[in-house]
Amino acid sequence: MDLLRLFRVVNEMIFVVIGALLLWVALAGRYFFDPRQPSWLILAGVLIVWGIYTWLRARKVSAPRTRLAMRIGGSSVALVGSIMAALAWVPFAVAGLLLGVAGGVFVLRGLLSAAILAWPF
């Protein structure tokens, strides 16, 4: 495995850790944030735009596995940004469920993309 592929696999493992952290926070039920703050909504908007940009940029990549991993990554970031934006309008009792879903999306993204990138050619 070359160095660039190894770096991408490690990067996807970081998303697994971030997803596990979100799942842990959701299951613990102790989150201290207000999703109606402008900074939260701006962060959600940035994640949505970043995810769409990554998804669209993937078509310029010639390697099919890297392109697929970029599409998975971009769509997962846009989906988590949408979930974060939705937290502003749902009842607080549902916030843990949505945080758990966002964590699950990141864990699945990390495992799936790492498997795609690490699979030998």
C-alpha atoms as a PDB file:
ATOM      1  CA  MET A   1       0.000   0.000   0.000  1.00  0.00           C
ATOM      2  CA  ASP A   2       1.438   3.347  -0.983  1.00  0.00           C
ATOM      3  CA  LEU A   3       1.685   6.248   1.421  1.00  0.00           C
ATOM      4  CA  LEU A   4      -1.225   8.225  -0.034  1.00  0.00           C
ATOM      5  CA  ARG A   5      -3.657   5.309   0.293  1.00  0.00           C
ATOM      6  CA  LEU A   6      -2.452   4.678   3.845  1.00  0.00           C
ATOM      7  CA  PHE A   7      -3.056   8.331   4.718  1.00  0.00           C
ATOM      8  CA  ARG A   8      -6.588   8.136   3.302  1.00  0.00           C
ATOM      9  CA  VAL A   9      -7.349   4.990   5.281  1.00  0.00           C
ATOM     10  CA  VAL A  10      -6.100   6.624   8.499  1.00  0.00           C
ATOM     11  CA  ASN A  11      -8.224   9.671   7.684  1.00  0.00           C
ATOM     12  CA  GLU A  12     -11.300   7.450   7.385  1.00  0.00           C
ATOM     13  CA  MET A  13     -10.481   5.845  10.736  1.00  0.00           C
ATOM     14  CA  ILE A  14     -10.611   9.329  12.251  1.00  0.00           C
ATOM     15  CA  PHE A  15     -14.199   9.566  10.991  1.00  0.00           C
ATOM     16  CA  VAL A  16     -14.927   6.251  12.737  1.00  0.00           C
ATOM     17  CA  VAL A  17     -13.624   7.747  15.993  1.00  0.00           C
ATOM     18  CA  ILE A  18     -15.676  10.939  15.510  1.00  0.00           C
ATOM     19  CA  GLY A  19     -18.769   8.823  14.825  1.00  0.00           C
ATOM     20  CA  ALA A  20     -18.126   6.715  17.911  1.00  0.00           C
ATOM     21  CA  LEU A  21     -17.788   9.897  19.966  1.00  0.00           C
ATOM     22  CA  LEU A  22     -21.121  11.167  18.647  1.00  0.00           C
ATOM     23  CA  LEU A  23     -22.726   7.819  19.441  1.00  0.00           C
ATOM     24  CA  TRP A  24     -21.295   7.909  22.950  1.00  0.00           C
ATOM     25  CA  VAL A  25     -22.616  11.440  23.538  1.00  0.00           C
ATOM     26  CA  ALA A  26     -26.026  10.414  22.201  1.00  0.00           C
ATOM     27  CA  LEU A  27     -26.217   7.342  24.417  1.00  0.00           C
ATOM     28  CA  ALA A  28     -24.985   9.207  27.506  1.00  0.00           C
ATOM     29  CA  GLY A  29     -27.705  11.820  27.020  1.00  0.00           C
ATOM     30  CA  ARG A  30     -25.553  14.635  28.363  1.00  0.00           C
ATOM     31  CA  TYR A  31     -25.057  17.181  25.653  1.00  0.00           C
ATOM     32  CA  PHE A  32     -24.622  20.837  26.434  1.00  0.00           C
ATOM     33  CA  PHE A  33     -25.344  22.726  23.265  1.00  0.00           C
ATOM     34  CA  ASP A  34     -28.114  24.837  21.829  1.00  0.00           C
ATOM     35  CA  PRO A  35     -28.769  23.855  18.215  1.00  0.00           C
ATOM     36  CA  ARG A  36     -30.682  27.096  17.663  1.00  0.00           C
ATOM     37  CA  GLN A  37     -27.555  29.222  18.030  1.00  0.00           C
ATOM     38  CA  PRO A  38     -26.371  30.887  14.813  1.00  0.00           C
ATOM     39  CA  SER A  39     -22.939  29.274  15.130  1.00  0.00           C
ATOM     40  CA  TRP A  40     -24.518  25.784  15.122  1.00  0.00           C
ATOM     41  CA  LEU A  41     -26.577  26.585  12.037  1.00  0.00           C
ATOM     42  CA  ILE A  42     -23.554  28.100  10.286  1.00  0.00           C
ATOM     43  CA  LEU A  43     -21.546  24.949  11.034  1.00  0.00           C
ATOM     44  CA  ALA A  44     -24.396  22.816   9.658  1.00  0.00           C
ATOM     45  CA  GLY A  45     -24.485  24.941   6.503  1.00  0.00           C
ATOM     46  CA  VAL A  46     -20.720  24.707   6.057  1.00  0.00           C
ATOM     47  CA  LEU A  47     -20.883  20.907   6.383  1.00  0.00           C
ATOM     48  CA  ILE A  48     -23.662  20.698   3.798  1.00  0.00           C
ATOM     49  CA  VAL A  49     -21.759  22.866   1.308  1.00  0.00           C
ATOM     50  CA  TRP A  50     -18.491  21.022   1.986  1.00  0.00           C
ATOM     51  CA  GLY A  51     -20.179  17.654   1.452  1.00  0.00           C
ATOM     52  CA  ILE A  52     -21.793  18.721  -1.817  1.00  0.00           C
ATOM     53  CA  TYR A  53     -18.505  20.217  -3.022  1.00  0.00           C
ATOM     54  CA  THR A  54     -16.629  17.001  -2.243  1.00  0.00           C
ATOM     55  CA  TRP A  55     -19.291  14.892  -3.913  1.00  0.00           C
ATOM     56  CA  LEU A  56     -19.161  17.011  -7.080  1.00  0.00           C
ATOM     57  CA  ARG A  57     -15.356  17.142  -7.087  1.00  0.00           C
ATOM     58  CA  ALA A  58     -15.206  13.333  -7.085  1.00  0.00           C
ATOM     59  CA  ARG A  59     -16.077  13.143 -10.780  1.00  0.00           C
ATOM     60  CA  LYS A  60     -12.691  14.696 -11.605  1.00  0.00           C
ATOM     61  CA  VAL A  61     -10.825  11.799  -9.971  1.00  0.00           C
ATOM     62  CA  SER A  62      -9.724   9.099 -12.387  1.00  0.00           C
ATOM     63  CA  ALA A  63      -9.295   6.212  -9.925  1.00  0.00           C
ATOM     64  CA  PRO A  64     -12.680   4.485  -9.477  1.00  0.00           C
ATOM     65  CA  ARG A  65     -12.083   3.454  -5.860  1.00  0.00           C
ATOM     66  CA  THR A  66     -10.986   6.908  -4.801  1.00  0.00           C
ATOM     67  CA  ARG A  67     -13.933   8.415  -6.667  1.00  0.00           C
ATOM     68  CA  LEU A  68     -16.354   6.096  -4.853  1.00  0.00           C
ATOM     69  CA  ALA A  69     -14.753   6.880  -1.489  1.00  0.00           C
ATOM     70  CA  MET A  70     -15.036  10.612  -2.204  1.00  0.00           C
ATOM     71  CA  ARG A  71     -18.704  10.227  -3.145  1.00  0.00           C
ATOM     72  CA  ILE A  72     -19.389   8.304   0.054  1.00  0.00           C
ATOM     73  CA  GLY A  73     -17.475  10.879   2.082  1.00  0.00           C
ATOM     74  CA  GLY A  74     -19.158  13.886   0.510  1.00  0.00           C
ATOM     75  CA  SER A  75     -22.647  12.481   0.861  1.00  0.00           C
ATOM     76  CA  SER A  76     -22.057  11.514   4.496  1.00  0.00           C
ATOM     77  CA  VAL A  77     -20.780  14.984   5.427  1.00  0.00           C
ATOM     78  CA  ALA A  78     -23.757  16.621   3.682  1.00  0.00           C
ATOM     79  CA  LEU A  79     -26.136  14.221   5.447  1.00  0.00           C
ATOM     80  CA  VAL A  80     -24.613  14.930   8.872  1.00  0.00           C
ATOM     81  CA  GLY A  81     -24.822  18.667   8.143  1.00  0.00           C
ATOM     82  CA  SER A  82     -28.515  18.228   7.337  1.00  0.00           C
ATOM     83  CA  ILE A  83     -29.037  16.303  10.572  1.00  0.00           C
ATOM     84  CA  MET A  84     -27.279  19.060  12.502  1.00  0.00           C
ATOM     85  CA  ALA A  85     -29.506  21.664  10.859  1.00  0.00           C
ATOM     86  CA  ALA A  86     -32.578  19.570  11.681  1.00  0.00           C
ATOM     87  CA  LEU A  87     -31.633  19.613  15.366  1.00  0.00           C
ATOM     88  CA  ALA A  88     -32.745  23.248  15.494  1.00  0.00           C
ATOM     89  CA  TRP A  89     -36.362  22.339  14.737  1.00  0.00           C
ATOM     90  CA  VAL A  90     -36.943  19.026  16.490  1.00  0.00           C
ATOM     91  CA  PRO A  91     -37.922  18.630  20.146  1.00  0.00           C
ATOM     92  CA  PHE A  92     -34.997  18.309  22.537  1.00  0.00           C
ATOM     93  CA  ALA A  93     -36.063  14.741  23.405  1.00  0.00           C
ATOM     94  CA  VAL A  94     -35.214  13.652  19.855  1.00  0.00           C
ATOM     95  CA  ALA A  95     -31.761  15.291  19.854  1.00  0.00           C
ATOM     96  CA  GLY A  96     -30.057  12.181  21.212  1.00  0.00           C
ATOM     97  CA  LEU A  97     -31.545  10.032  18.486  1.00  0.00           C
ATOM     98  CA  LEU A  98     -30.388  12.428  15.769  1.00  0.00           C
ATOM     99  CA  LEU A  99     -26.894  12.641  17.270  1.00  0.00           C
ATOM    100  CA  GLY A 100     -26.795   8.846  17.304  1.00  0.00           C
ATOM    101  CA  VAL A 101     -27.846   8.720  13.654  1.00  0.00           C
ATOM    102  CA  ALA A 102     -25.131  11.245  12.756  1.00  0.00           C
ATOM    103  CA  GLY A 103     -22.569   9.165  14.636  1.00  0.00           C
ATOM    104  CA  GLY A 104     -23.742   6.014  12.888  1.00  0.00           C
ATOM    105  CA  VAL A 105     -23.429   7.714   9.504  1.00  0.00           C
ATOM    106  CA  PHE A 106     -19.831   8.694  10.261  1.00  0.00           C
ATOM    107  CA  VAL A 107     -18.939   5.215  11.556  1.00  0.00           C
ATOM    108  CA  LEU A 108     -20.408   3.557   8.463  1.00  0.00           C
ATOM    109  CA  ARG A 109     -18.705   6.076   6.189  1.00  0.00           C
ATOM    110  CA  GLY A 110     -15.346   5.498   7.813  1.00  0.00           C
ATOM    111  CA  LEU A 111     -15.535   1.713   7.745  1.00  0.00           C
ATOM    112  CA  LEU A 112     -16.885   1.515   4.211  1.00  0.00           C
ATOM    113  CA  SER A 113     -14.461   4.038   2.738  1.00  0.00           C
ATOM    114  CA  ALA A 114     -11.490   2.528   4.575  1.00  0.00           C
ATOM    115  CA  ALA A 115     -12.408  -0.917   3.256  1.00  0.00           C
ATOM    116  CA  ILE A 116     -12.716   0.416  -0.287  1.00  0.00           C
ATOM    117  CA  LEU A 117      -9.407   2.280  -0.116  1.00  0.00           C
ATOM    118  CA  ALA A 118      -7.448  -0.451   1.667  1.00  0.00           C
ATOM    119  CA  TRP A 119      -8.609  -3.335  -0.526  1.00  0.00           C
ATOM    120  CA  PRO A 120      -5.675  -4.530  -2.615  1.00  0.00           C
ATOM    121  CA  PHE A 121      -5.951  -3.827  -6.350  1.00  0.00           C
END
